Amino acid sequence: MLPRAAGGAVAAVSVAALHDARDPGVLCPLRLLTGVPCPACGSTTVFIEAGHGNLLAALAANPVTAAAACALLVAPFGPGRWWTGLSDRRRGTLIGAALTLAWAWQLNRLGVSRP
């Protein structure tokens, strides 16, 4: 578990350092073209904020991405068996629900859903 956590920390710190050196701006093609965020919007920010040690800001940027990253770190140590034991249909339903929640979060966070 420690090597996986260290790898995740190194990745987050690296992304934060690259972002500090050169901020590329908005990376999401949907948001660039339409102004509407996608469900994955904020995912880069999750890793930038985590790399800076701002875990609450990382969680606020996209809680679904933050939860997925944590799940990927611990999956090989037991919790992953739960996921692989699900039917394809159940996994698809859970992924669809997570994407729907992430999209609703982004629309609210970025003010798109407000009149």
PDB file of N, CA and C in Angstrom:
ATOM      1  N   MET A   1       0.828  -1.196   0.000  1.00  0.00           N
ATOM      2  CA  MET A   1       0.000   0.000   0.000  1.00  0.00           C
ATOM      3  C   MET A   1       0.868   1.254   0.000  1.00  0.00           C
ATOM      4  N   LEU A   2       1.948   1.237   0.762  1.00  0.00           N
ATOM      5  CA  LEU A   2       2.806   2.417   0.857  1.00  0.00           C
ATOM      6  C   LEU A   2       3.403   2.813  -0.494  1.00  0.00           C
ATOM      7  N   PRO A   3       3.897   1.850  -1.305  1.00  0.00           N
ATOM      8  CA  PRO A   3       4.424   2.251  -2.621  1.00  0.00           C
ATOM      9  C   PRO A   3       3.355   2.872  -3.522  1.00  0.00           C
ATOM     10  N   ARG A   4       2.135   2.353  -3.467  1.00  0.00           N
ATOM     11  CA  ARG A   4       1.059   2.934  -4.280  1.00  0.00           C
ATOM     12  C   ARG A   4       0.721   4.338  -3.814  1.00  0.00           C
ATOM     13  N   ALA A   5       0.644   4.531  -2.502  1.00  0.00           N
ATOM     14  CA  ALA A   5       0.356   5.859  -1.961  1.00  0.00           C
ATOM     15  C   ALA A   5       1.483   6.828  -2.302  1.00  0.00           C
ATOM     16  N   ALA A   6       2.728   6.358  -2.209  1.00  0.00           N
ATOM     17  CA  ALA A   6       3.868   7.208  -2.562  1.00  0.00           C
ATOM     18  C   ALA A   6       3.830   7.563  -4.045  1.00  0.00           C
ATOM     19  N   GLY A   7       3.472   6.594  -4.882  1.00  0.00           N
ATOM     20  CA  GLY A   7       3.352   6.866  -6.322  1.00  0.00           C
ATOM     21  C   GLY A   7       2.270   7.891  -6.611  1.00  0.00           C
ATOM     22  N   GLY A   8       1.148   7.777  -5.928  1.00  0.00           N
ATOM     23  CA  GLY A   8       0.074   8.756  -6.099  1.00  0.00           C
ATOM     24  C   GLY A   8       0.503  10.135  -5.637  1.00  0.00           C
ATOM     25  N   ALA A   9       1.238  10.186  -4.525  1.00  0.00           N
ATOM     26  CA  ALA A   9       1.717  11.477  -4.010  1.00  0.00           C
ATOM     27  C   ALA A   9       2.724  12.101  -4.977  1.00  0.00           C
ATOM     28  N   VAL A  10       3.628  11.285  -5.511  1.00  0.00           N
ATOM     29  CA  VAL A  10       4.618  11.796  -6.475  1.00  0.00           C
ATOM     30  C   VAL A  10       3.912  12.322  -7.722  1.00  0.00           C
ATOM     31  N   ALA A  11       2.905  11.603  -8.194  1.00  0.00           N
ATOM     32  CA  ALA A  11       2.156  12.062  -9.371  1.00  0.00           C
ATOM     33  C   ALA A  11       1.460  13.390  -9.085  1.00  0.00           C
ATOM     34  N   ALA A  12       0.837  13.509  -7.929  1.00  0.00           N
ATOM     35  CA  ALA A  12       0.129  14.754  -7.584  1.00  0.00           C
ATOM     36  C   ALA A  12       1.100  15.924  -7.446  1.00  0.00           C
ATOM     37  N   VAL A  13       2.221  15.700  -6.786  1.00  0.00           N
ATOM     38  CA  VAL A  13       3.217  16.771  -6.624  1.00  0.00           C
ATOM     39  C   VAL A  13       3.788  17.162  -7.982  1.00  0.00           C
ATOM     40  N   SER A  14       4.017  16.180  -8.853  1.00  0.00           N
ATOM     41  CA  SER A  14       4.548  16.467 -10.194  1.00  0.00           C
ATOM     42  C   SER A  14       3.566  17.295 -11.014  1.00  0.00           C
ATOM     43  N   VAL A  15       2.293  16.927 -10.985  1.00  0.00           N
ATOM     44  CA  VAL A  15       1.280  17.687 -11.719  1.00  0.00           C
ATOM     45  C   VAL A  15       1.201  19.109 -11.172  1.00  0.00           C
ATOM     46  N   ALA A  16       1.260  19.245  -9.852  1.00  0.00           N
ATOM     47  CA  ALA A  16       1.208  20.584  -9.241  1.00  0.00           C
ATOM     48  C   ALA A  16       2.413  21.417  -9.671  1.00  0.00           C
ATOM     49  N   ALA A  17       3.598  20.811  -9.700  1.00  0.00           N
ATOM     50  CA  ALA A  17       4.804  21.538 -10.096  1.00  0.00           C
ATOM     51  C   ALA A  17       4.735  21.948 -11.568  1.00  0.00           C
ATOM     52  N   LEU A  18       4.270  21.049 -12.425  1.00  0.00           N
ATOM     53  CA  LEU A  18       4.121  21.388 -13.847  1.00  0.00           C
ATOM     54  C   LEU A  18       3.118  22.515 -14.036  1.00  0.00           C
ATOM     55  N   HIS A  19       2.033  22.462 -13.294  1.00  0.00           N
ATOM     56  CA  HIS A  19       1.007  23.502 -13.392  1.00  0.00           C
ATOM     57  C   HIS A  19       1.557  24.844 -12.919  1.00  0.00           C
ATOM     58  N   ASP A  20       2.339  24.815 -11.836  1.00  0.00           N
ATOM     59  CA  ASP A  20       2.930  26.061 -11.335  1.00  0.00           C
ATOM     60  C   ASP A  20       3.894  26.661 -12.352  1.00  0.00           C
ATOM     61  N   ALA A  21       4.610  25.798 -13.070  1.00  0.00           N
ATOM     62  CA  ALA A  21       5.583  26.279 -14.064  1.00  0.00           C
ATOM     63  C   ALA A  21       4.895  26.876 -15.279  1.00  0.00           C
ATOM     64  N   ARG A  22       3.804  26.265 -15.686  1.00  0.00           N
ATOM     65  CA  ARG A  22       3.099  26.749 -16.873  1.00  0.00           C
ATOM     66  C   ARG A  22       1.649  26.331 -16.810  1.00  0.00           C
ATOM     67  N   ASP A  23       0.778  27.255 -16.455  1.00  0.00           N
ATOM     68  CA  ASP A  23      -0.655  26.991 -16.360  1.00  0.00           C
ATOM     69  C   ASP A  23      -1.255  26.973 -17.763  1.00  0.00           C
ATOM     70  N   PRO A  24      -1.732  25.806 -18.227  1.00  0.00           N
ATOM     71  CA  PRO A  24      -2.291  25.733 -19.576  1.00  0.00           C
ATOM     72  C   PRO A  24      -3.714  26.266 -19.695  1.00  0.00           C
ATOM     73  N   GLY A  25      -4.340  26.643 -18.589  1.00  0.00           N
ATOM     74  CA  GLY A  25      -5.720  27.113 -18.628  1.00  0.00           C
ATOM     75  C   GLY A  25      -6.684  25.940 -18.650  1.00  0.00           C
ATOM     76  N   VAL A  26      -7.851  26.158 -19.187  1.00  0.00           N
ATOM     77  CA  VAL A  26      -8.886  25.124 -19.249  1.00  0.00           C
ATOM     78  C   VAL A  26      -8.465  24.047 -20.251  1.00  0.00           C
ATOM     79  N   LEU A  27      -8.485  22.787 -19.813  1.00  0.00           N
ATOM     80  CA  LEU A  27      -8.082  21.671 -20.668  1.00  0.00           C
ATOM     81  C   LEU A  27      -9.268  20.941 -21.293  1.00  0.00           C
ATOM     82  N   CYS A  28     -10.444  21.096 -20.741  1.00  0.00           N
ATOM     83  CA  CYS A  28     -11.623  20.359 -21.193  1.00  0.00           C
ATOM     84  C   CYS A  28     -12.123  20.899 -22.530  1.00  0.00           C
ATOM     85  N   PRO A  29     -12.143  20.053 -23.577  1.00  0.00           N
ATOM     86  CA  PRO A  29     -12.629  20.521 -24.881  1.00  0.00           C
ATOM     87  C   PRO A  29     -14.089  20.959 -24.856  1.00  0.00           C
ATOM     88  N   LEU A  30     -14.939  20.237 -24.130  1.00  0.00           N
ATOM     89  CA  LEU A  30     -16.357  20.609 -24.051  1.00  0.00           C
ATOM     90  C   LEU A  30     -16.514  21.988 -23.415  1.00  0.00           C
ATOM     91  N   ARG A  31     -15.794  22.221 -22.331  1.00  0.00           N
ATOM     92  CA  ARG A  31     -15.891  23.508 -21.651  1.00  0.00           C
ATOM     93  C   ARG A  31     -15.295  24.633 -22.499  1.00  0.00           C
ATOM     94  N   LEU A  32     -14.212  24.350 -23.227  1.00  0.00           N
ATOM     95  CA  LEU A  32     -13.615  25.363 -24.105  1.00  0.00           C
ATOM     96  C   LEU A  32     -14.567  25.777 -25.216  1.00  0.00           C
ATOM     97  N   LEU A  33     -15.272  24.784 -25.800  1.00  0.00           N
ATOM     98  CA  LEU A  33     -16.140  25.059 -26.945  1.00  0.00           C
ATOM     99  C   LEU A  33     -17.515  25.588 -26.559  1.00  0.00           C
ATOM    100  N   THR A  34     -18.054  25.114 -25.427  1.00  0.00           N
ATOM    101  CA  THR A  34     -19.438  25.451 -25.080  1.00  0.00           C
ATOM    102  C   THR A  34     -19.586  26.234 -23.785  1.00  0.00           C
ATOM    103  N   GLY A  35     -18.566  26.203 -22.954  1.00  0.00           N
ATOM    104  CA  GLY A  35     -18.677  26.822 -21.635  1.00  0.00           C
ATOM    105  C   GLY A  35     -19.329  25.914 -20.610  1.00  0.00           C
ATOM    106  N   VAL A  36     -19.748  24.727 -21.038  1.00  0.00           N
ATOM    107  CA  VAL A  36     -20.397  23.759 -20.151  1.00  0.00           C
ATOM    108  C   VAL A  36     -19.348  22.734 -19.711  1.00  0.00           C
ATOM    109  N   PRO A  37     -19.186  22.532 -18.416  1.00  0.00           N
ATOM    110  CA  PRO A  37     -18.199  21.561 -17.959  1.00  0.00           C
ATOM    111  C   PRO A  37     -18.665  20.129 -18.181  1.00  0.00           C
ATOM    112  N   CYS A  38     -17.695  19.234 -18.337  1.00  0.00           N
ATOM    113  CA  CYS A  38     -18.013  17.813 -18.442  1.00  0.00           C
ATOM    114  C   CYS A  38     -17.927  17.181 -17.056  1.00  0.00           C
ATOM    115  N   PRO A  39     -18.340  15.924 -16.892  1.00  0.00           N
ATOM    116  CA  PRO A  39     -18.254  15.292 -15.568  1.00  0.00           C
ATOM    117  C   PRO A  39     -16.825  15.193 -15.035  1.00  0.00           C
ATOM    118  N   ALA A  40     -15.840  15.167 -15.917  1.00  0.00           N
ATOM    119  CA  ALA A  40     -14.445  15.043 -15.481  1.00  0.00           C
ATOM    120  C   ALA A  40     -13.788  16.392 -15.210  1.00  0.00           C
ATOM    121  N   CYS A  41     -14.491  17.496 -15.475  1.00  0.00           N
ATOM    122  CA  CYS A  41     -13.911  18.815 -15.194  1.00  0.00           C
ATOM    123  C   CYS A  41     -13.520  18.869 -13.723  1.00  0.00           C
ATOM    124  N   GLY A  42     -12.390  19.468 -13.472  1.00  0.00           N
ATOM    125  CA  GLY A  42     -11.876  19.559 -12.115  1.00  0.00           C
ATOM    126  C   GLY A  42     -10.934  18.432 -11.757  1.00  0.00           C
ATOM    127  N   SER A  43     -10.802  17.424 -12.631  1.00  0.00           N
ATOM    128  CA  SER A  43      -9.936  16.291 -12.318  1.00  0.00           C
ATOM    129  C   SER A  43      -8.473  16.698 -12.239  1.00  0.00           C
ATOM    130  N   THR A  44      -8.019  17.540 -13.155  1.00  0.00           N
ATOM    131  CA  THR A  44      -6.645  18.024 -13.077  1.00  0.00           C
ATOM    132  C   THR A  44      -6.462  18.834 -11.802  1.00  0.00           C
ATOM    133  N   THR A  45      -7.448  19.638 -11.469  1.00  0.00           N
ATOM    134  CA  THR A  45      -7.387  20.460 -10.259  1.00  0.00           C
ATOM    135  C   THR A  45      -7.297  19.592  -9.008  1.00  0.00           C
ATOM    136  N   VAL A  46      -7.955  18.428  -9.032  1.00  0.00           N
ATOM    137  CA  VAL A  46      -7.862  17.504  -7.899  1.00  0.00           C
ATOM    138  C   VAL A  46      -6.395  17.188  -7.616  1.00  0.00           C
ATOM    139  N   PHE A  47      -5.653  16.831  -8.660  1.00  0.00           N
ATOM    140  CA  PHE A  47      -4.264  16.442  -8.473  1.00  0.00           C
ATOM    141  C   PHE A  47      -3.364  17.641  -8.178  1.00  0.00           C
ATOM    142  N   ILE A  48      -3.669  18.791  -8.751  1.00  0.00           N
ATOM    143  CA  ILE A  48      -2.892  19.996  -8.457  1.00  0.00           C
ATOM    144  C   ILE A  48      -3.063  20.371  -6.981  1.00  0.00           C
ATOM    145  N   GLU A  49      -4.290  20.410  -6.522  1.00  0.00           N
ATOM    146  CA  GLU A  49      -4.548  20.771  -5.122  1.00  0.00           C
ATOM    147  C   GLU A  49      -3.981  19.723  -4.167  1.00  0.00           C
ATOM    148  N   ALA A  50      -4.126  18.454  -4.499  1.00  0.00           N
ATOM    149  CA  ALA A  50      -3.555  17.404  -3.651  1.00  0.00           C
ATOM    150  C   ALA A  50      -2.036  17.535  -3.609  1.00  0.00           C
ATOM    151  N   GLY A  51      -1.433  17.853  -4.739  1.00  0.00           N
ATOM    152  CA  GLY A  51       0.012  18.036  -4.784  1.00  0.00           C
ATOM    153  C   GLY A  51       0.490  19.210  -3.962  1.00  0.00           C
ATOM    154  N   HIS A  52      -0.361  20.192  -3.780  1.00  0.00           N
ATOM    155  CA  HIS A  52      -0.045  21.340  -2.930  1.00  0.00           C
ATOM    156  C   HIS A  52      -0.432  21.088  -1.473  1.00  0.00           C
ATOM    157  N   GLY A  53      -1.015  19.929  -1.204  1.00  0.00           N
ATOM    158  CA  GLY A  53      -1.419  19.594   0.159  1.00  0.00           C
ATOM    159  C   GLY A  53      -2.775  20.139   0.559  1.00  0.00           C
ATOM    160  N   ASN A  54      -3.525  20.673  -0.398  1.00  0.00           N
ATOM    161  CA  ASN A  54      -4.862  21.224  -0.131  1.00  0.00           C
ATOM    162  C   ASN A  54      -5.922  20.152  -0.388  1.00  0.00           C
ATOM    163  N   LEU A  55      -6.059  19.215   0.531  1.00  0.00           N
ATOM    164  CA  LEU A  55      -6.938  18.069   0.294  1.00  0.00           C
ATOM    165  C   LEU A  55      -8.409  18.449   0.235  1.00  0.00           C
ATOM    166  N   LEU A  56      -8.828  19.423   1.024  1.00  0.00           N
ATOM    167  CA  LEU A  56     -10.233  19.852   0.956  1.00  0.00           C
ATOM    168  C   LEU A  56     -10.532  20.541  -0.371  1.00  0.00           C
ATOM    169  N   ALA A  57      -9.590  21.334  -0.878  1.00  0.00           N
ATOM    170  CA  ALA A  57      -9.776  21.969  -2.180  1.00  0.00           C
ATOM    171  C   ALA A  57      -9.794  20.918  -3.284  1.00  0.00           C
ATOM    172  N   ALA A  58      -8.988  19.878  -3.141  1.00  0.00           N
ATOM    173  CA  ALA A  58      -8.988  18.785  -4.113  1.00  0.00           C
ATOM    174  C   ALA A  58     -10.343  18.090  -4.120  1.00  0.00           C
ATOM    175  N   LEU A  59     -10.872  17.835  -2.955  1.00  0.00           N
ATOM    176  CA  LEU A  59     -12.174  17.188  -2.838  1.00  0.00           C
ATOM    177  C   LEU A  59     -13.277  18.069  -3.412  1.00  0.00           C
ATOM    178  N   ALA A  60     -13.179  19.365  -3.196  1.00  0.00           N
ATOM    179  CA  ALA A  60     -14.193  20.294  -3.706  1.00  0.00           C
ATOM    180  C   ALA A  60     -14.136  20.420  -5.231  1.00  0.00           C
ATOM    181  N   ALA A  61     -12.963  20.232  -5.831  1.00  0.00           N
ATOM    182  CA  ALA A  61     -12.831  20.374  -7.281  1.00  0.00           C
ATOM    183  C   ALA A  61     -13.601  19.288  -8.019  1.00  0.00           C
ATOM    184  N   ASN A  62     -13.509  18.055  -7.566  1.00  0.00           N
ATOM    185  CA  ASN A  62     -14.267  16.958  -8.162  1.00  0.00           C
ATOM    186  C   ASN A  62     -14.229  15.778  -7.198  1.00  0.00           C
ATOM    187  N   PRO A  63     -15.235  15.650  -6.331  1.00  0.00           N
ATOM    188  CA  PRO A  63     -15.222  14.579  -5.339  1.00  0.00           C
ATOM    189  C   PRO A  63     -15.221  13.179  -5.945  1.00  0.00           C
ATOM    190  N   VAL A  64     -15.818  13.024  -7.119  1.00  0.00           N
ATOM    191  CA  VAL A  64     -15.849  11.702  -7.749  1.00  0.00           C
ATOM    192  C   VAL A  64     -14.445  11.296  -8.190  1.00  0.00           C
ATOM    193  N   THR A  65     -13.690  12.218  -8.777  1.00  0.00           N
ATOM    194  CA  THR A  65     -12.313  11.912  -9.174  1.00  0.00           C
ATOM    195  C   THR A  65     -11.459  11.628  -7.948  1.00  0.00           C
ATOM    196  N   ALA A  66     -11.627  12.424  -6.887  1.00  0.00           N
ATOM    197  CA  ALA A  66     -10.862  12.201  -5.657  1.00  0.00           C
ATOM    198  C   ALA A  66     -11.169  10.816  -5.083  1.00  0.00           C
ATOM    199  N   ALA A  67     -12.435  10.437  -5.060  1.00  0.00           N
ATOM    200  CA  ALA A  67     -12.821   9.121  -4.538  1.00  0.00           C
ATOM    201  C   ALA A  67     -12.293   8.005  -5.432  1.00  0.00           C
ATOM    202  N   ALA A  68     -12.351   8.197  -6.748  1.00  0.00           N
ATOM    203  CA  ALA A  68     -11.847   7.178  -7.673  1.00  0.00           C
ATOM    204  C   ALA A  68     -10.339   6.994  -7.520  1.00  0.00           C
ATOM    205  N   ALA A  69      -9.611   8.093  -7.354  1.00  0.00           N
ATOM    206  CA  ALA A  69      -8.162   7.997  -7.170  1.00  0.00           C
ATOM    207  C   ALA A  69      -7.836   7.227  -5.893  1.00  0.00           C
ATOM    208  N   CYS A  70      -8.550   7.523  -4.824  1.00  0.00           N
ATOM    209  CA  CYS A  70      -8.337   6.792  -3.570  1.00  0.00           C
ATOM    210  C   CYS A  70      -8.699   5.312  -3.720  1.00  0.00           C
ATOM    211  N   ALA A  71      -9.787   5.048  -4.413  1.00  0.00           N
ATOM    212  CA  ALA A  71     -10.215   3.665  -4.623  1.00  0.00           C
ATOM    213  C   ALA A  71      -9.174   2.887  -5.424  1.00  0.00           C
ATOM    214  N   LEU A  72      -8.579   3.528  -6.421  1.00  0.00           N
ATOM    215  CA  LEU A  72      -7.548   2.849  -7.212  1.00  0.00           C
ATOM    216  C   LEU A  72      -6.306   2.552  -6.383  1.00  0.00           C
ATOM    217  N   LEU A  73      -6.024   3.385  -5.410  1.00  0.00           N
ATOM    218  CA  LEU A  73      -4.867   3.134  -4.548  1.00  0.00           C
ATOM    219  C   LEU A  73      -5.084   1.944  -3.626  1.00  0.00           C
ATOM    220  N   VAL A  74      -6.307   1.768  -3.136  1.00  0.00           N
ATOM    221  CA  VAL A  74      -6.559   0.688  -2.170  1.00  0.00           C
ATOM    222  C   VAL A  74      -7.180  -0.561  -2.792  1.00  0.00           C
ATOM    223  N   ALA A  75      -7.597  -0.506  -4.028  1.00  0.00           N
ATOM    224  CA  ALA A  75      -8.293  -1.635  -4.660  1.00  0.00           C
ATOM    225  C   ALA A  75      -7.528  -2.958  -4.575  1.00  0.00           C
ATOM    226  N   PRO A  76      -6.230  -2.971  -4.811  1.00  0.00           N
ATOM    227  CA  PRO A  76      -5.530  -4.260  -4.777  1.00  0.00           C
ATOM    228  C   PRO A  76      -5.461  -4.900  -3.393  1.00  0.00           C
ATOM    229  N   PHE A  77      -5.824  -4.189  -2.366  1.00  0.00           N
ATOM    230  CA  PHE A  77      -5.699  -4.698  -1.007  1.00  0.00           C
ATOM    231  C   PHE A  77      -7.007  -5.225  -0.444  1.00  0.00           C
ATOM    232  N   GLY A  78      -7.935  -5.562  -1.313  1.00  0.00           N
ATOM    233  CA  GLY A  78      -9.185  -6.156  -0.869  1.00  0.00           C
ATOM    234  C   GLY A  78     -10.424  -5.528  -1.452  1.00  0.00           C
ATOM    235  N   PRO A  79     -10.579  -4.200  -1.381  1.00  0.00           N
ATOM    236  CA  PRO A  79     -11.807  -3.589  -1.886  1.00  0.00           C
ATOM    237  C   PRO A  79     -12.032  -3.818  -3.381  1.00  0.00           C
ATOM    238  N   GLY A  80     -10.990  -4.053  -4.134  1.00  0.00           N
ATOM    239  CA  GLY A  80     -11.138  -4.288  -5.567  1.00  0.00           C
ATOM    240  C   GLY A  80     -11.917  -5.555  -5.881  1.00  0.00           C
ATOM    241  N   ARG A  81     -11.891  -6.518  -4.963  1.00  0.00           N
ATOM    242  CA  ARG A  81     -12.647  -7.767  -5.182  1.00  0.00           C
ATOM    243  C   ARG A  81     -14.145  -7.488  -5.244  1.00  0.00           C
ATOM    244  N   TRP A  82     -14.590  -6.512  -4.467  1.00  0.00           N
ATOM    245  CA  TRP A  82     -16.001  -6.139  -4.503  1.00  0.00           C
ATOM    246  C   TRP A  82     -16.376  -5.677  -5.905  1.00  0.00           C
ATOM    247  N   TRP A  83     -15.550  -4.827  -6.498  1.00  0.00           N
ATOM    248  CA  TRP A  83     -15.826  -4.268  -7.822  1.00  0.00           C
ATOM    249  C   TRP A  83     -15.821  -5.355  -8.892  1.00  0.00           C
ATOM    250  N   THR A  84     -14.814  -6.216  -8.859  1.00  0.00           N
ATOM    251  CA  THR A  84     -14.730  -7.266  -9.886  1.00  0.00           C
ATOM    252  C   THR A  84     -15.825  -8.309  -9.721  1.00  0.00           C
ATOM    253  N   GLY A  85     -16.407  -8.393  -8.536  1.00  0.00           N
ATOM    254  CA  GLY A  85     -17.497  -9.341  -8.310  1.00  0.00           C
ATOM    255  C   GLY A  85     -18.840  -8.860  -8.834  1.00  0.00           C
ATOM    256  N   LEU A  86     -18.926  -7.601  -9.224  1.00  0.00           N
ATOM    257  CA  LEU A  86     -20.184  -7.063  -9.740  1.00  0.00           C
ATOM    258  C   LEU A  86     -20.392  -7.457 -11.199  1.00  0.00           C
ATOM    259  N   SER A  87     -21.642  -7.532 -11.594  1.00  0.00           N
ATOM    260  CA  SER A  87     -21.944  -7.797 -13.002  1.00  0.00           C
ATOM    261  C   SER A  87     -21.588  -6.563 -13.833  1.00  0.00           C
ATOM    262  N   ASP A  88     -21.403  -6.762 -15.117  1.00  0.00           N
ATOM    263  CA  ASP A  88     -21.094  -5.639 -16.008  1.00  0.00           C
ATOM    264  C   ASP A  88     -22.189  -4.579 -15.945  1.00  0.00           C
ATOM    265  N   ARG A  89     -23.426  -5.035 -15.885  1.00  0.00           N
ATOM    266  CA  ARG A  89     -24.549  -4.097 -15.827  1.00  0.00           C
ATOM    267  C   ARG A  89     -24.511  -3.253 -14.551  1.00  0.00           C
ATOM    268  N   ARG A  90     -24.206  -3.881 -13.418  1.00  0.00           N
ATOM    269  CA  ARG A  90     -24.139  -3.159 -12.146  1.00  0.00           C
ATOM    270  C   ARG A  90     -22.973  -2.160 -12.163  1.00  0.00           C
ATOM    271  N   ARG A  91     -21.827  -2.593 -12.685  1.00  0.00           N
ATOM    272  CA  ARG A  91     -20.686  -1.662 -12.779  1.00  0.00           C
ATOM    273  C   ARG A  91     -21.034  -0.484 -13.674  1.00  0.00           C
ATOM    274  N   GLY A  92     -21.686  -0.749 -14.801  1.00  0.00           N
ATOM    275  CA  GLY A  92     -22.096   0.320 -15.704  1.00  0.00           C
ATOM    276  C   GLY A  92     -23.062   1.290 -15.045  1.00  0.00           C
ATOM    277  N   THR A  93     -23.988   0.751 -14.263  1.00  0.00           N
ATOM    278  CA  THR A  93     -24.944   1.593 -13.541  1.00  0.00           C
ATOM    279  C   THR A  93     -24.228   2.473 -12.523  1.00  0.00           C
ATOM    280  N   LEU A  94     -23.284   1.903 -11.788  1.00  0.00           N
ATOM    281  CA  LEU A  94     -22.540   2.679 -10.796  1.00  0.00           C
ATOM    282  C   LEU A  94     -21.677   3.755 -11.455  1.00  0.00           C
ATOM    283  N   ILE A  95     -21.051   3.420 -12.560  1.00  0.00           N
ATOM    284  CA  ILE A  95     -20.244   4.410 -13.285  1.00  0.00           C
ATOM    285  C   ILE A  95     -21.144   5.524 -13.815  1.00  0.00           C
ATOM    286  N   GLY A  96     -22.292   5.154 -14.375  1.00  0.00           N
ATOM    287  CA  GLY A  96     -23.243   6.156 -14.870  1.00  0.00           C
ATOM    288  C   GLY A  96     -23.734   7.072 -13.759  1.00  0.00           C
ATOM    289  N   ALA A  97     -24.023   6.497 -12.593  1.00  0.00           N
ATOM    290  CA  ALA A  97     -24.470   7.310 -11.459  1.00  0.00           C
ATOM    291  C   ALA A  97     -23.359   8.243 -10.988  1.00  0.00           C
ATOM    292  N   ALA A  98     -22.133   7.737 -10.952  1.00  0.00           N
ATOM    293  CA  ALA A  98     -21.000   8.581 -10.532  1.00  0.00           C
ATOM    294  C   ALA A  98     -20.792   9.724 -11.514  1.00  0.00           C
ATOM    295  N   LEU A  99     -20.888   9.444 -12.812  1.00  0.00           N
ATOM    296  CA  LEU A  99     -20.728  10.502 -13.813  1.00  0.00           C
ATOM    297  C   LEU A  99     -21.849  11.531 -13.720  1.00  0.00           C
ATOM    298  N   THR A 100     -23.057  11.079 -13.460  1.00  0.00           N
ATOM    299  CA  THR A 100     -24.189  12.001 -13.299  1.00  0.00           C
ATOM    300  C   THR A 100     -23.980  12.908 -12.088  1.00  0.00           C
ATOM    301  N   LEU A 101     -23.560  12.320 -10.977  1.00  0.00           N
ATOM    302  CA  LEU A 101     -23.287  13.119  -9.777  1.00  0.00           C
ATOM    303  C   LEU A 101     -22.134  14.100 -10.020  1.00  0.00           C
ATOM    304  N   ALA A 102     -21.090  13.620 -10.699  1.00  0.00           N
ATOM    305  CA  ALA A 102     -19.944  14.497 -10.987  1.00  0.00           C
ATOM    306  C   ALA A 102     -20.363  15.654 -11.876  1.00  0.00           C
ATOM    307  N   TRP A 103     -21.202  15.370 -12.865  1.00  0.00           N
ATOM    308  CA  TRP A 103     -21.634  16.434 -13.766  1.00  0.00           C
ATOM    309  C   TRP A 103     -22.500  17.457 -13.028  1.00  0.00           C
ATOM    310  N   ALA A 104     -23.418  16.966 -12.203  1.00  0.00           N
ATOM    311  CA  ALA A 104     -24.252  17.884 -11.415  1.00  0.00           C
ATOM    312  C   ALA A 104     -23.373  18.733 -10.497  1.00  0.00           C
ATOM    313  N   TRP A 105     -22.351  18.119  -9.896  1.00  0.00           N
ATOM    314  CA  TRP A 105     -21.428  18.859  -9.032  1.00  0.00           C
ATOM    315  C   TRP A 105     -20.729  19.964  -9.825  1.00  0.00           C
ATOM    316  N   GLN A 106     -20.229  19.630 -11.028  1.00  0.00           N
ATOM    317  CA  GLN A 106     -19.504  20.612 -11.835  1.00  0.00           C
ATOM    318  C   GLN A 106     -20.416  21.738 -12.312  1.00  0.00           C
ATOM    319  N   LEU A 107     -21.621  21.395 -12.731  1.00  0.00           N
ATOM    320  CA  LEU A 107     -22.560  22.425 -13.173  1.00  0.00           C
ATOM    321  C   LEU A 107     -22.860  23.401 -12.044  1.00  0.00           C
ATOM    322  N   ASN A 108     -23.003  22.881 -10.838  1.00  0.00           N
ATOM    323  CA  ASN A 108     -23.258  23.738  -9.682  1.00  0.00           C
ATOM    324  C   ASN A 108     -22.001  24.518  -9.288  1.00  0.00           C
ATOM    325  N   ARG A 109     -20.868  23.838  -9.233  1.00  0.00           N
ATOM    326  CA  ARG A 109     -19.609  24.468  -8.805  1.00  0.00           C
ATOM    327  C   ARG A 109     -19.219  25.621  -9.717  1.00  0.00           C
ATOM    328  N   LEU A 110     -19.424  25.447 -11.009  1.00  0.00           N
ATOM    329  CA  LEU A 110     -19.030  26.463 -11.967  1.00  0.00           C
ATOM    330  C   LEU A 110     -20.169  27.420 -12.331  1.00  0.00           C
ATOM    331  N   GLY A 111     -21.314  27.255 -11.669  1.00  0.00           N
ATOM    332  CA  GLY A 111     -22.409  28.201 -11.827  1.00  0.00           C
ATOM    333  C   GLY A 111     -23.207  28.053 -13.103  1.00  0.00           C
ATOM    334  N   VAL A 112     -23.066  26.945 -13.814  1.00  0.00           N
ATOM    335  CA  VAL A 112     -23.796  26.768 -15.072  1.00  0.00           C
ATOM    336  C   VAL A 112     -25.251  26.452 -14.815  1.00  0.00           C
ATOM    337  N   SER A 113     -25.567  25.798 -13.695  1.00  0.00           N
ATOM    338  CA  SER A 113     -26.952  25.388 -13.428  1.00  0.00           C
ATOM    339  C   SER A 113     -27.773  26.487 -12.773  1.00  0.00           C
ATOM    340  N   ARG A 114     -27.147  27.603 -12.470  1.00  0.00           N
ATOM    341  CA  ARG A 114     -27.881  28.712 -11.841  1.00  0.00           C
ATOM    342  C   ARG A 114     -28.394  29.688 -12.882  1.00  0.00           C
ATOM    343  N   PRO A 115     -29.595  30.228 -12.676  1.00  0.00           N
ATOM    344  CA  PRO A 115     -30.133  31.179 -13.653  1.00  0.00           C
ATOM    345  C   PRO A 115     -29.395  32.509 -13.626  1.00  0.00           C
TER     346      PRO A 115
END
